[in-house]
Amino acid sequence: MYVFPTDIPEPIIPAASNSGSTYTEVLTDSTITSTTDANYKITRPRTTRVIGSWTYTWIGLSDENYEKLKAFWKKVRTSEEFEFKNYTDGKTYRCRFVDKFSFRLDYPVGWYGSLQFEEV
């Protein structure tokens, strides 16, 4: 199994940044809902598992770390799973990338971009 590079630095928020938060967590809900003719709501879980996803935004990523991150993304794309040690809680999850790789160079600060990780 692939392992997300541990030497990629944790995203940080620069003091004068309009980027907002560098971290977002989303938990999916698989509840099935149905409404009866009498307007009663009937619900049940489709699955017992709640899947998490995390979005991290890097600001000022160095060229070296950008190349490592890009090489890893090209290796696994959105189809392969990998181990990811979550920066926030320190736990290791089996994940895959959800979306395309999209970063931009903010010269001279560094690379800016986000990646979304989804629990497998």
PDB file of N, CA and C in Angstrom:
ATOM      1  N   MET A   1       0.846  -1.180   0.000  1.00  0.00           N
ATOM      2  CA  MET A   1       0.000   0.000   0.000  1.00  0.00           C
ATOM      3  C   MET A   1       0.891   1.242   0.000  1.00  0.00           C
ATOM      4  N   TYR A   2       0.447   2.255  -0.703  1.00  0.00           N
ATOM      5  CA  TYR A   2       1.182   3.516  -0.749  1.00  0.00           C
ATOM      6  C   TYR A   2       1.033   4.270   0.570  1.00  0.00           C
ATOM      7  N   VAL A   3       1.998   5.120   0.873  1.00  0.00           N
ATOM      8  CA  VAL A   3       1.964   5.936   2.090  1.00  0.00           C
ATOM      9  C   VAL A   3       2.196   7.391   1.696  1.00  0.00           C
ATOM     10  N   PHE A   4       1.310   8.276   2.158  1.00  0.00           N
ATOM     11  CA  PHE A   4       1.448   9.703   1.882  1.00  0.00           C
ATOM     12  C   PHE A   4       2.770  10.193   2.465  1.00  0.00           C
ATOM     13  N   PRO A   5       3.534  10.995   1.725  1.00  0.00           N
ATOM     14  CA  PRO A   5       4.848  11.451   2.212  1.00  0.00           C
ATOM     15  C   PRO A   5       4.746  12.190   3.548  1.00  0.00           C
ATOM     16  N   THR A   6       5.433  11.670   4.546  1.00  0.00           N
ATOM     17  CA  THR A   6       5.355  12.262   5.888  1.00  0.00           C
ATOM     18  C   THR A   6       6.185  13.524   6.025  1.00  0.00           C
ATOM     19  N   ASP A   7       7.059  13.790   5.057  1.00  0.00           N
ATOM     20  CA  ASP A   7       7.886  14.992   5.158  1.00  0.00           C
ATOM     21  C   ASP A   7       7.249  16.219   4.493  1.00  0.00           C
ATOM     22  N   ILE A   8       6.024  16.071   3.977  1.00  0.00           N
ATOM     23  CA  ILE A   8       5.289  17.239   3.475  1.00  0.00           C
ATOM     24  C   ILE A   8       4.809  18.005   4.707  1.00  0.00           C
ATOM     25  N   PRO A   9       5.147  19.282   4.820  1.00  0.00           N
ATOM     26  CA  PRO A   9       4.804  20.019   6.043  1.00  0.00           C
ATOM     27  C   PRO A   9       3.300  20.205   6.220  1.00  0.00           C
ATOM     28  N   GLU A  10       2.904  20.297   7.474  1.00  0.00           N
ATOM     29  CA  GLU A  10       1.505  20.558   7.804  1.00  0.00           C
ATOM     30  C   GLU A  10       1.115  21.940   7.289  1.00  0.00           C
ATOM     31  N   PRO A  11      -0.087  22.062   6.700  1.00  0.00           N
ATOM     32  CA  PRO A  11      -0.520  23.378   6.230  1.00  0.00           C
ATOM     33  C   PRO A  11      -0.582  24.382   7.378  1.00  0.00           C
ATOM     34  N   ILE A  12      -0.167  25.606   7.102  1.00  0.00           N
ATOM     35  CA  ILE A  12      -0.215  26.673   8.101  1.00  0.00           C
ATOM     36  C   ILE A  12      -0.927  27.878   7.512  1.00  0.00           C
ATOM     37  N   ILE A  13      -1.449  28.726   8.381  1.00  0.00           N
ATOM     38  CA  ILE A  13      -2.122  29.938   7.930  1.00  0.00           C
ATOM     39  C   ILE A  13      -1.195  31.112   8.164  1.00  0.00           C
ATOM     40  N   PRO A  14      -0.719  31.766   7.103  1.00  0.00           N
ATOM     41  CA  PRO A  14       0.104  32.959   7.302  1.00  0.00           C
ATOM     42  C   PRO A  14      -0.710  34.062   7.968  1.00  0.00           C
ATOM     43  N   ALA A  15      -0.045  34.945   8.673  1.00  0.00           N
ATOM     44  CA  ALA A  15      -0.726  36.003   9.424  1.00  0.00           C
ATOM     45  C   ALA A  15      -1.572  36.901   8.534  1.00  0.00           C
ATOM     46  N   ALA A  16      -1.118  37.208   7.329  1.00  0.00           N
ATOM     47  CA  ALA A  16      -1.852  38.120   6.450  1.00  0.00           C
ATOM     48  C   ALA A  16      -2.364  37.380   5.226  1.00  0.00           C
ATOM     49  N   SER A  17      -3.204  36.398   5.451  1.00  0.00           N
ATOM     50  CA  SER A  17      -3.713  35.600   4.343  1.00  0.00           C
ATOM     51  C   SER A  17      -5.225  35.696   4.270  1.00  0.00           C
ATOM     52  N   ASN A  18      -5.753  35.771   3.074  1.00  0.00           N
ATOM     53  CA  ASN A  18      -7.200  35.762   2.879  1.00  0.00           C
ATOM     54  C   ASN A  18      -7.686  34.383   2.466  1.00  0.00           C
ATOM     55  N   SER A  19      -6.888  33.379   2.726  1.00  0.00           N
ATOM     56  CA  SER A  19      -7.223  32.035   2.261  1.00  0.00           C
ATOM     57  C   SER A  19      -8.235  31.333   3.149  1.00  0.00           C
ATOM     58  N   GLY A  20      -8.537  31.880   4.302  1.00  0.00           N
ATOM     59  CA  GLY A  20      -9.455  31.201   5.206  1.00  0.00           C
ATOM     60  C   GLY A  20      -8.757  30.045   5.892  1.00  0.00           C
ATOM     61  N   SER A  21      -9.520  29.051   6.268  1.00  0.00           N
ATOM     62  CA  SER A  21      -8.970  27.914   6.986  1.00  0.00           C
ATOM     63  C   SER A  21      -8.183  27.003   6.050  1.00  0.00           C
ATOM     64  N   THR A  22      -7.129  26.399   6.568  1.00  0.00           N
ATOM     65  CA  THR A  22      -6.361  25.452   5.767  1.00  0.00           C
ATOM     66  C   THR A  22      -6.845  24.026   5.995  1.00  0.00           C
ATOM     67  N   TYR A  23      -7.902  23.844   6.794  1.00  0.00           N
ATOM     68  CA  TYR A  23      -8.364  22.508   7.135  1.00  0.00           C
ATOM     69  C   TYR A  23      -9.886  22.473   7.167  1.00  0.00           C
ATOM     70  N   THR A  24     -10.457  21.472   6.511  1.00  0.00           N
ATOM     71  CA  THR A  24     -11.897  21.269   6.539  1.00  0.00           C
ATOM     72  C   THR A  24     -12.157  19.783   6.723  1.00  0.00           C
ATOM     73  N   GLU A  25     -13.096  19.442   7.604  1.00  0.00           N
ATOM     74  CA  GLU A  25     -13.495  18.046   7.787  1.00  0.00           C
ATOM     75  C   GLU A  25     -14.978  17.918   7.471  1.00  0.00           C
ATOM     76  N   VAL A  26     -15.340  16.858   6.725  1.00  0.00           N
ATOM     77  CA  VAL A  26     -16.733  16.604   6.376  1.00  0.00           C
ATOM     78  C   VAL A  26     -17.033  15.146   6.700  1.00  0.00           C
ATOM     79  N   LEU A  27     -18.153  14.907   7.391  1.00  0.00           N
ATOM     80  CA  LEU A  27     -18.619  13.552   7.661  1.00  0.00           C
ATOM     81  C   LEU A  27     -19.879  13.321   6.841  1.00  0.00           C
ATOM     82  N   THR A  28     -19.921  12.216   6.085  1.00  0.00           N
ATOM     83  CA  THR A  28     -21.084  11.942   5.249  1.00  0.00           C
ATOM     84  C   THR A  28     -22.162  11.234   6.047  1.00  0.00           C
ATOM     85  N   ASP A  29     -23.389  11.476   5.657  1.00  0.00           N
ATOM     86  CA  ASP A  29     -24.534  10.850   6.310  1.00  0.00           C
ATOM     87  C   ASP A  29     -25.247   9.994   5.282  1.00  0.00           C
ATOM     88  N   SER A  30     -25.396   8.720   5.568  1.00  0.00           N
ATOM     89  CA  SER A  30     -26.018   7.812   4.611  1.00  0.00           C
ATOM     90  C   SER A  30     -27.476   7.519   4.949  1.00  0.00           C
ATOM     91  N   THR A  31     -28.106   8.394   5.719  1.00  0.00           N
ATOM     92  CA  THR A  31     -29.480   8.166   6.143  1.00  0.00           C
ATOM     93  C   THR A  31     -30.441   8.223   4.962  1.00  0.00           C
ATOM     94  N   ILE A  32     -31.350   7.245   4.911  1.00  0.00           N
ATOM     95  CA  ILE A  32     -32.421   7.227   3.913  1.00  0.00           C
ATOM     96  C   ILE A  32     -33.650   7.824   4.578  1.00  0.00           C
ATOM     97  N   THR A  33     -34.268   8.786   3.922  1.00  0.00           N
ATOM     98  CA  THR A  33     -35.428   9.474   4.487  1.00  0.00           C
ATOM     99  C   THR A  33     -36.618   9.327   3.551  1.00  0.00           C
ATOM    100  N   SER A  34     -37.766   9.071   4.142  1.00  0.00           N
ATOM    101  CA  SER A  34     -39.002   8.979   3.377  1.00  0.00           C
ATOM    102  C   SER A  34     -40.102   9.673   4.172  1.00  0.00           C
ATOM    103  N   THR A  35     -40.988  10.368   3.471  1.00  0.00           N
ATOM    104  CA  THR A  35     -42.097  11.053   4.132  1.00  0.00           C
ATOM    105  C   THR A  35     -43.401  10.387   3.706  1.00  0.00           C
ATOM    106  N   THR A  36     -44.242  10.059   4.691  1.00  0.00           N
ATOM    107  CA  THR A  36     -45.520   9.407   4.404  1.00  0.00           C
ATOM    108  C   THR A  36     -46.550  10.438   3.959  1.00  0.00           C
ATOM    109  N   ASP A  37     -47.720   9.948   3.516  1.00  0.00           N
ATOM    110  CA  ASP A  37     -48.809  10.840   3.104  1.00  0.00           C
ATOM    111  C   ASP A  37     -49.283  11.710   4.259  1.00  0.00           C
ATOM    112  N   ALA A  38     -49.155  11.204   5.483  1.00  0.00           N
ATOM    113  CA  ALA A  38     -49.583  11.962   6.667  1.00  0.00           C
ATOM    114  C   ALA A  38     -48.473  12.873   7.186  1.00  0.00           C
ATOM    115  N   ASN A  39     -47.422  13.015   6.419  1.00  0.00           N
ATOM    116  CA  ASN A  39     -46.296  13.889   6.746  1.00  0.00           C
ATOM    117  C   ASN A  39     -45.420  13.398   7.898  1.00  0.00           C
ATOM    118  N   TYR A  40     -45.430  12.091   8.134  1.00  0.00           N
ATOM    119  CA  TYR A  40     -44.492  11.523   9.093  1.00  0.00           C
ATOM    120  C   TYR A  40     -43.197  11.223   8.348  1.00  0.00           C
ATOM    121  N   LYS A  41     -42.100  11.423   9.020  1.00  0.00           N
ATOM    122  CA  LYS A  41     -40.807  11.148   8.404  1.00  0.00           C
ATOM    123  C   LYS A  41     -40.276   9.820   8.924  1.00  0.00           C
ATOM    124  N   ILE A  42     -39.885   8.958   7.996  1.00  0.00           N
ATOM    125  CA  ILE A  42     -39.315   7.658   8.333  1.00  0.00           C
ATOM    126  C   ILE A  42     -37.854   7.691   7.897  1.00  0.00           C
ATOM    127  N   THR A  43     -36.956   7.321   8.816  1.00  0.00           N
ATOM    128  CA  THR A  43     -35.530   7.342   8.501  1.00  0.00           C
ATOM    129  C   THR A  43     -34.867   6.044   8.943  1.00  0.00           C
ATOM    130  N   ARG A  44     -33.801   5.709   8.239  1.00  0.00           N
ATOM    131  CA  ARG A  44     -32.958   4.583   8.646  1.00  0.00           C
ATOM    132  C   ARG A  44     -31.595   4.779   8.008  1.00  0.00           C
ATOM    133  N   PRO A  45     -30.558   4.251   8.655  1.00  0.00           N
ATOM    134  CA  PRO A  45     -29.227   4.379   8.051  1.00  0.00           C
ATOM    135  C   PRO A  45     -29.074   3.409   6.878  1.00  0.00           C
ATOM    136  N   ARG A  46     -28.505   3.885   5.786  1.00  0.00           N
ATOM    137  CA  ARG A  46     -28.220   3.009   4.646  1.00  0.00           C
ATOM    138  C   ARG A  46     -27.044   2.099   5.003  1.00  0.00           C
ATOM    139  N   THR A  47     -26.068   2.665   5.701  1.00  0.00           N
ATOM    140  CA  THR A  47     -24.919   1.904   6.179  1.00  0.00           C
ATOM    141  C   THR A  47     -24.636   2.328   7.617  1.00  0.00           C
ATOM    142  N   THR A  48     -23.867   1.518   8.315  1.00  0.00           N
ATOM    143  CA  THR A  48     -23.535   1.855   9.700  1.00  0.00           C
ATOM    144  C   THR A  48     -22.246   2.653   9.791  1.00  0.00           C
ATOM    145  N   ARG A  49     -21.554   2.789   8.688  1.00  0.00           N
ATOM    146  CA  ARG A  49     -20.257   3.457   8.674  1.00  0.00           C
ATOM    147  C   ARG A  49     -20.396   4.914   8.242  1.00  0.00           C
ATOM    148  N   VAL A  50     -19.751   5.787   8.975  1.00  0.00           N
ATOM    149  CA  VAL A  50     -19.709   7.201   8.613  1.00  0.00           C
ATOM    150  C   VAL A  50     -18.343   7.467   7.993  1.00  0.00           C
ATOM    151  N   ILE A  51     -18.345   7.942   6.759  1.00  0.00           N
ATOM    152  CA  ILE A  51     -17.094   8.173   6.038  1.00  0.00           C
ATOM    153  C   ILE A  51     -16.685   9.629   6.184  1.00  0.00           C
ATOM    154  N   GLY A  52     -15.420   9.829   6.516  1.00  0.00           N
ATOM    155  CA  GLY A  52     -14.901  11.183   6.671  1.00  0.00           C
ATOM    156  C   GLY A  52     -14.090  11.611   5.464  1.00  0.00           C
ATOM    157  N   SER A  53     -14.043  12.905   5.253  1.00  0.00           N
ATOM    158  CA  SER A  53     -13.147  13.454   4.239  1.00  0.00           C
ATOM    159  C   SER A  53     -12.518  14.717   4.799  1.00  0.00           C
ATOM    160  N   TRP A  54     -11.301  14.989   4.356  1.00  0.00           N
ATOM    161  CA  TRP A  54     -10.539  16.132   4.858  1.00  0.00           C
ATOM    162  C   TRP A  54      -9.977  16.901   3.680  1.00  0.00           C
ATOM    163  N   THR A  55     -10.036  18.202   3.770  1.00  0.00           N
ATOM    164  CA  THR A  55      -9.422  19.058   2.763  1.00  0.00           C
ATOM    165  C   THR A  55      -8.344  19.881   3.438  1.00  0.00           C
ATOM    166  N   TYR A  56      -7.150  19.828   2.879  1.00  0.00           N
ATOM    167  CA  TYR A  56      -6.032  20.615   3.392  1.00  0.00           C
ATOM    168  C   TYR A  56      -5.574  21.580   2.311  1.00  0.00           C
ATOM    169  N   THR A  57      -5.273  22.804   2.715  1.00  0.00           N
ATOM    170  CA  THR A  57      -4.792  23.830   1.801  1.00  0.00           C
ATOM    171  C   THR A  57      -3.389  24.233   2.211  1.00  0.00           C
ATOM    172  N   TRP A  58      -2.468  24.098   1.282  1.00  0.00           N
ATOM    173  CA  TRP A  58      -1.086  24.504   1.522  1.00  0.00           C
ATOM    174  C   TRP A  58      -0.859  25.887   0.936  1.00  0.00           C
ATOM    175  N   ILE A  59      -0.183  26.726   1.691  1.00  0.00           N
ATOM    176  CA  ILE A  59       0.156  28.082   1.262  1.00  0.00           C
ATOM    177  C   ILE A  59       1.661  28.230   1.417  1.00  0.00           C
ATOM    178  N   GLY A  60       2.341  28.650   0.387  1.00  0.00           N
ATOM    179  CA  GLY A  60       3.787  28.839   0.473  1.00  0.00           C
ATOM    180  C   GLY A  60       4.560  27.542   0.500  1.00  0.00           C
ATOM    181  N   LEU A  61       4.070  26.525  -0.205  1.00  0.00           N
ATOM    182  CA  LEU A  61       4.760  25.238  -0.262  1.00  0.00           C
ATOM    183  C   LEU A  61       6.016  25.385  -1.132  1.00  0.00           C
ATOM    184  N   SER A  62       7.133  24.886  -0.653  1.00  0.00           N
ATOM    185  CA  SER A  62       8.400  25.011  -1.396  1.00  0.00           C
ATOM    186  C   SER A  62       8.352  24.194  -2.688  1.00  0.00           C
ATOM    187  N   ASP A  63       9.224  24.527  -3.631  1.00  0.00           N
ATOM    188  CA  ASP A  63       9.306  23.784  -4.896  1.00  0.00           C
ATOM    189  C   ASP A  63       9.580  22.306  -4.647  1.00  0.00           C
ATOM    190  N   GLU A  64      10.468  22.024  -3.706  1.00  0.00           N
ATOM    191  CA  GLU A  64      10.833  20.636  -3.393  1.00  0.00           C
ATOM    192  C   GLU A  64       9.623  19.854  -2.881  1.00  0.00           C
ATOM    193  N   ASN A  65       8.894  20.423  -1.913  1.00  0.00           N
ATOM    194  CA  ASN A  65       7.721  19.734  -1.373  1.00  0.00           C
ATOM    195  C   ASN A  65       6.591  19.658  -2.396  1.00  0.00           C
ATOM    196  N   TYR A  66       6.468  20.683  -3.225  1.00  0.00           N
ATOM    197  CA  TYR A  66       5.470  20.663  -4.295  1.00  0.00           C
ATOM    198  C   TYR A  66       5.737  19.498  -5.248  1.00  0.00           C
ATOM    199  N   GLU A  67       6.983  19.307  -5.636  1.00  0.00           N
ATOM    200  CA  GLU A  67       7.337  18.215  -6.552  1.00  0.00           C
ATOM    201  C   GLU A  67       7.081  16.849  -5.915  1.00  0.00           C
ATOM    202  N   LYS A  68       7.364  16.710  -4.610  1.00  0.00           N
ATOM    203  CA  LYS A  68       7.084  15.448  -3.906  1.00  0.00           C
ATOM    204  C   LYS A  68       5.591  15.160  -3.902  1.00  0.00           C
ATOM    205  N   LEU A  69       4.807  16.197  -3.595  1.00  0.00           N
ATOM    206  CA  LEU A  69       3.356  16.050  -3.533  1.00  0.00           C
ATOM    207  C   LEU A  69       2.790  15.705  -4.909  1.00  0.00           C
ATOM    208  N   LYS A  70       3.268  16.377  -5.938  1.00  0.00           N
ATOM    209  CA  LYS A  70       2.806  16.123  -7.305  1.00  0.00           C
ATOM    210  C   LYS A  70       3.172  14.707  -7.753  1.00  0.00           C
ATOM    211  N   ALA A  71       4.391  14.275  -7.456  1.00  0.00           N
ATOM    212  CA  ALA A  71       4.823  12.921  -7.830  1.00  0.00           C
ATOM    213  C   ALA A  71       3.965  11.868  -7.137  1.00  0.00           C
ATOM    214  N   PHE A  72       3.642  12.097  -5.860  1.00  0.00           N
ATOM    215  CA  PHE A  72       2.801  11.143  -5.140  1.00  0.00           C
ATOM    216  C   PHE A  72       1.402  11.113  -5.745  1.00  0.00           C
ATOM    217  N   TRP A  73       0.827  12.287  -6.029  1.00  0.00           N
ATOM    218  CA  TRP A  73      -0.513  12.337  -6.620  1.00  0.00           C
ATOM    219  C   TRP A  73      -0.529  11.606  -7.967  1.00  0.00           C
ATOM    220  N   LYS A  74       0.502  11.799  -8.788  1.00  0.00           N
ATOM    221  CA  LYS A  74       0.569  11.136 -10.088  1.00  0.00           C
ATOM    222  C   LYS A  74       0.667   9.617  -9.938  1.00  0.00           C
ATOM    223  N   LYS A  75       1.274   9.172  -8.848  1.00  0.00           N
ATOM    224  CA  LYS A  75       1.422   7.737  -8.603  1.00  0.00           C
ATOM    225  C   LYS A  75       0.080   7.103  -8.221  1.00  0.00           C
ATOM    226  N   VAL A  76      -0.695   7.784  -7.371  1.00  0.00           N
ATOM    227  CA  VAL A  76      -1.938   7.180  -6.871  1.00  0.00           C
ATOM    228  C   VAL A  76      -3.194   7.729  -7.551  1.00  0.00           C
ATOM    229  N   ARG A  77      -3.111   8.937  -8.115  1.00  0.00           N
ATOM    230  CA  ARG A  77      -4.256   9.614  -8.741  1.00  0.00           C
ATOM    231  C   ARG A  77      -5.468   9.569  -7.807  1.00  0.00           C
ATOM    232  N   THR A  78      -6.660   9.421  -8.353  1.00  0.00           N
ATOM    233  CA  THR A  78      -7.844   9.321  -7.495  1.00  0.00           C
ATOM    234  C   THR A  78      -8.327   7.877  -7.394  1.00  0.00           C
ATOM    235  N   SER A  79      -7.535   6.942  -7.933  1.00  0.00           N
ATOM    236  CA  SER A  79      -7.989   5.553  -7.973  1.00  0.00           C
ATOM    237  C   SER A  79      -7.342   4.646  -6.935  1.00  0.00           C
ATOM    238  N   GLU A  80      -6.153   4.983  -6.471  1.00  0.00           N
ATOM    239  CA  GLU A  80      -5.439   4.109  -5.535  1.00  0.00           C
ATOM    240  C   GLU A  80      -5.605   4.596  -4.098  1.00  0.00           C
ATOM    241  N   GLU A  81      -5.689   3.652  -3.181  1.00  0.00           N
ATOM    242  CA  GLU A  81      -5.759   4.038  -1.772  1.00  0.00           C
ATOM    243  C   GLU A  81      -4.353   4.113  -1.189  1.00  0.00           C
ATOM    244  N   PHE A  82      -4.243   4.868  -0.106  1.00  0.00           N
ATOM    245  CA  PHE A  82      -2.951   5.038   0.550  1.00  0.00           C
ATOM    246  C   PHE A  82      -3.182   5.353   2.019  1.00  0.00           C
ATOM    247  N   GLU A  83      -2.119   5.200   2.811  1.00  0.00           N
ATOM    248  CA  GLU A  83      -2.188   5.550   4.230  1.00  0.00           C
ATOM    249  C   GLU A  83      -1.858   7.026   4.386  1.00  0.00           C
ATOM    250  N   PHE A  84      -2.664   7.697   5.184  1.00  0.00           N
ATOM    251  CA  PHE A  84      -2.479   9.129   5.416  1.00  0.00           C
ATOM    252  C   PHE A  84      -2.575   9.400   6.910  1.00  0.00           C
ATOM    253  N   LYS A  85      -1.519   9.991   7.479  1.00  0.00           N
ATOM    254  CA  LYS A  85      -1.549  10.384   8.886  1.00  0.00           C
ATOM    255  C   LYS A  85      -2.150  11.784   8.947  1.00  0.00           C
ATOM    256  N   ASN A  86      -3.362  11.850   9.481  1.00  0.00           N
ATOM    257  CA  ASN A  86      -4.108  13.101   9.540  1.00  0.00           C
ATOM    258  C   ASN A  86      -3.347  14.118  10.386  1.00  0.00           C
ATOM    259  N   TYR A  87      -3.139  15.299   9.834  1.00  0.00           N
ATOM    260  CA  TYR A  87      -2.405  16.343  10.541  1.00  0.00           C
ATOM    261  C   TYR A  87      -3.126  16.787  11.809  1.00  0.00           C
ATOM    262  N   THR A  88      -4.443  16.712  11.820  1.00  0.00           N
ATOM    263  CA  THR A  88      -5.225  17.252  12.931  1.00  0.00           C
ATOM    264  C   THR A  88      -5.280  16.326  14.138  1.00  0.00           C
ATOM    265  N   ASP A  89      -5.635  15.050  13.923  1.00  0.00           N
ATOM    266  CA  ASP A  89      -5.775  14.147  15.069  1.00  0.00           C
ATOM    267  C   ASP A  89      -4.620  13.159  15.211  1.00  0.00           C
ATOM    268  N   GLY A  90      -3.707  13.132  14.251  1.00  0.00           N
ATOM    269  CA  GLY A  90      -2.543  12.257  14.344  1.00  0.00           C
ATOM    270  C   GLY A  90      -2.820  10.798  14.042  1.00  0.00           C
ATOM    271  N   LYS A  91      -4.071  10.445  13.707  1.00  0.00           N
ATOM    272  CA  LYS A  91      -4.427   9.064  13.395  1.00  0.00           C
ATOM    273  C   LYS A  91      -4.126   8.770  11.930  1.00  0.00           C
ATOM    274  N   THR A  92      -3.871   7.491  11.649  1.00  0.00           N
ATOM    275  CA  THR A  92      -3.603   7.070  10.281  1.00  0.00           C
ATOM    276  C   THR A  92      -4.872   6.484   9.677  1.00  0.00           C
ATOM    277  N   TYR A  93      -5.212   6.937   8.471  1.00  0.00           N
ATOM    278  CA  TYR A  93      -6.413   6.500   7.767  1.00  0.00           C
ATOM    279  C   TYR A  93      -6.036   5.937   6.406  1.00  0.00           C
ATOM    280  N   ARG A  94      -6.855   5.004   5.909  1.00  0.00           N
ATOM    281  CA  ARG A  94      -6.745   4.556   4.520  1.00  0.00           C
ATOM    282  C   ARG A  94      -7.595   5.508   3.697  1.00  0.00           C
ATOM    283  N   CYS A  95      -6.970   6.191   2.753  1.00  0.00           N
ATOM    284  CA  CYS A  95      -7.640   7.254   1.998  1.00  0.00           C
ATOM    285  C   CYS A  95      -7.393   7.125   0.512  1.00  0.00           C
ATOM    286  N   ARG A  96      -8.102   7.977  -0.220  1.00  0.00           N
ATOM    287  CA  ARG A  96      -7.806   8.225  -1.634  1.00  0.00           C
ATOM    288  C   ARG A  96      -8.067   9.698  -1.883  1.00  0.00           C
ATOM    289  N   PHE A  97      -7.452  10.237  -2.930  1.00  0.00           N
ATOM    290  CA  PHE A  97      -7.720  11.618  -3.302  1.00  0.00           C
ATOM    291  C   PHE A  97      -9.083  11.684  -3.977  1.00  0.00           C
ATOM    292  N   VAL A  98      -9.799  12.780  -3.749  1.00  0.00           N
ATOM    293  CA  VAL A  98     -11.143  12.923  -4.288  1.00  0.00           C
ATOM    294  C   VAL A  98     -11.154  13.685  -5.606  1.00  0.00           C
ATOM    295  N   ASP A  99     -10.270  14.637  -5.756  1.00  0.00           N
ATOM    296  CA  ASP A  99     -10.362  15.546  -6.896  1.00  0.00           C
ATOM    297  C   ASP A  99      -9.009  15.709  -7.585  1.00  0.00           C
ATOM    298  N   LYS A 100      -8.996  16.501  -8.629  1.00  0.00           N
ATOM    299  CA  LYS A 100      -7.787  16.735  -9.418  1.00  0.00           C
ATOM    300  C   LYS A 100      -6.716  17.462  -8.609  1.00  0.00           C
ATOM    301  N   PHE A 101      -5.506  17.395  -9.105  1.00  0.00           N
ATOM    302  CA  PHE A 101      -4.367  18.095  -8.513  1.00  0.00           C
ATOM    303  C   PHE A 101      -4.330  19.487  -9.126  1.00  0.00           C
ATOM    304  N   SER A 102      -4.502  20.514  -8.301  1.00  0.00           N
ATOM    305  CA  SER A 102      -4.538  21.884  -8.816  1.00  0.00           C
ATOM    306  C   SER A 102      -3.825  22.815  -7.837  1.00  0.00           C
ATOM    307  N   PHE A 103      -2.636  23.263  -8.214  1.00  0.00           N
ATOM    308  CA  PHE A 103      -1.841  24.193  -7.417  1.00  0.00           C
ATOM    309  C   PHE A 103      -1.433  25.357  -8.308  1.00  0.00           C
ATOM    310  N   ARG A 104      -1.158  26.492  -7.702  1.00  0.00           N
ATOM    311  CA  ARG A 104      -0.654  27.636  -8.474  1.00  0.00           C
ATOM    312  C   ARG A 104       0.552  28.220  -7.756  1.00  0.00           C
ATOM    313  N   LEU A 105       1.449  28.786  -8.536  1.00  0.00           N
ATOM    314  CA  LEU A 105       2.663  29.380  -7.983  1.00  0.00           C
ATOM    315  C   LEU A 105       2.394  30.834  -7.629  1.00  0.00           C
ATOM    316  N   ASP A 106       2.597  31.164  -6.368  1.00  0.00           N
ATOM    317  CA  ASP A 106       2.449  32.537  -5.877  1.00  0.00           C
ATOM    318  C   ASP A 106       3.857  33.044  -5.579  1.00  0.00           C
ATOM    319  N   TYR A 107       4.524  33.512  -6.634  1.00  0.00           N
ATOM    320  CA  TYR A 107       5.926  33.925  -6.507  1.00  0.00           C
ATOM    321  C   TYR A 107       6.030  35.201  -5.695  1.00  0.00           C
ATOM    322  N   PRO A 108       6.936  35.354  -4.776  1.00  0.00           N
ATOM    323  CA  PRO A 108       8.019  34.463  -4.361  1.00  0.00           C
ATOM    324  C   PRO A 108       7.655  33.593  -3.162  1.00  0.00           C
ATOM    325  N   VAL A 109       6.385  33.604  -2.753  1.00  0.00           N
ATOM    326  CA  VAL A 109       5.969  32.895  -1.535  1.00  0.00           C
ATOM    327  C   VAL A 109       6.060  31.385  -1.690  1.00  0.00           C
ATOM    328  N   GLY A 110       5.578  30.845  -2.797  1.00  0.00           N
ATOM    329  CA  GLY A 110       5.594  29.403  -3.011  1.00  0.00           C
ATOM    330  C   GLY A 110       4.306  28.924  -3.646  1.00  0.00           C
ATOM    331  N   TRP A 111       4.084  27.632  -3.585  1.00  0.00           N
ATOM    332  CA  TRP A 111       2.928  27.003  -4.211  1.00  0.00           C
ATOM    333  C   TRP A 111       1.718  27.053  -3.292  1.00  0.00           C
ATOM    334  N   TYR A 112       0.545  27.238  -3.898  1.00  0.00           N
ATOM    335  CA  TYR A 112      -0.720  27.340  -3.175  1.00  0.00           C
ATOM    336  C   TYR A 112      -1.700  26.354  -3.801  1.00  0.00           C
ATOM    337  N   GLY A 113      -2.350  25.527  -2.974  1.00  0.00           N
ATOM    338  CA  GLY A 113      -3.344  24.598  -3.504  1.00  0.00           C
ATOM    339  C   GLY A 113      -3.954  23.740  -2.422  1.00  0.00           C
ATOM    340  N   SER A 114      -4.993  23.005  -2.795  1.00  0.00           N
ATOM    341  CA  SER A 114      -5.730  22.157  -1.857  1.00  0.00           C
ATOM    342  C   SER A 114      -5.825  20.736  -2.381  1.00  0.00           C
ATOM    343  N   LEU A 115      -5.867  19.798  -1.456  1.00  0.00           N
ATOM    344  CA  LEU A 115      -6.134  18.401  -1.786  1.00  0.00           C
ATOM    345  C   LEU A 115      -7.199  17.881  -0.838  1.00  0.00           C
ATOM    346  N   GLN A 116      -8.112  17.080  -1.391  1.00  0.00           N
ATOM    347  CA  GLN A 116      -9.156  16.482  -0.565  1.00  0.00           C
ATOM    348  C   GLN A 116      -8.892  14.989  -0.436  1.00  0.00           C
ATOM    349  N   PHE A 117      -8.910  14.507   0.799  1.00  0.00           N
ATOM    350  CA  PHE A 117      -8.678  13.109   1.130  1.00  0.00           C
ATOM    351  C   PHE A 117     -10.008  12.511   1.576  1.00  0.00           C
ATOM    352  N   GLU A 118     -10.334  11.309   1.073  1.00  0.00           N
ATOM    353  CA  GLU A 118     -11.567  10.640   1.469  1.00  0.00           C
ATOM    354  C   GLU A 118     -11.223   9.285   2.066  1.00  0.00           C
ATOM    355  N   GLU A 119     -11.833   8.986   3.196  1.00  0.00           N
ATOM    356  CA  GLU A 119     -11.612   7.705   3.861  1.00  0.00           C
ATOM    357  C   GLU A 119     -12.149   6.570   2.992  1.00  0.00           C
ATOM    358  N   VAL A 120     -11.384   5.494   2.892  1.00  0.00           N
ATOM    359  CA  VAL A 120     -11.790   4.347   2.063  1.00  0.00           C
ATOM    360  C   VAL A 120     -12.573   3.374   2.915  1.00  0.00           C
TER     361      VAL A 120
END
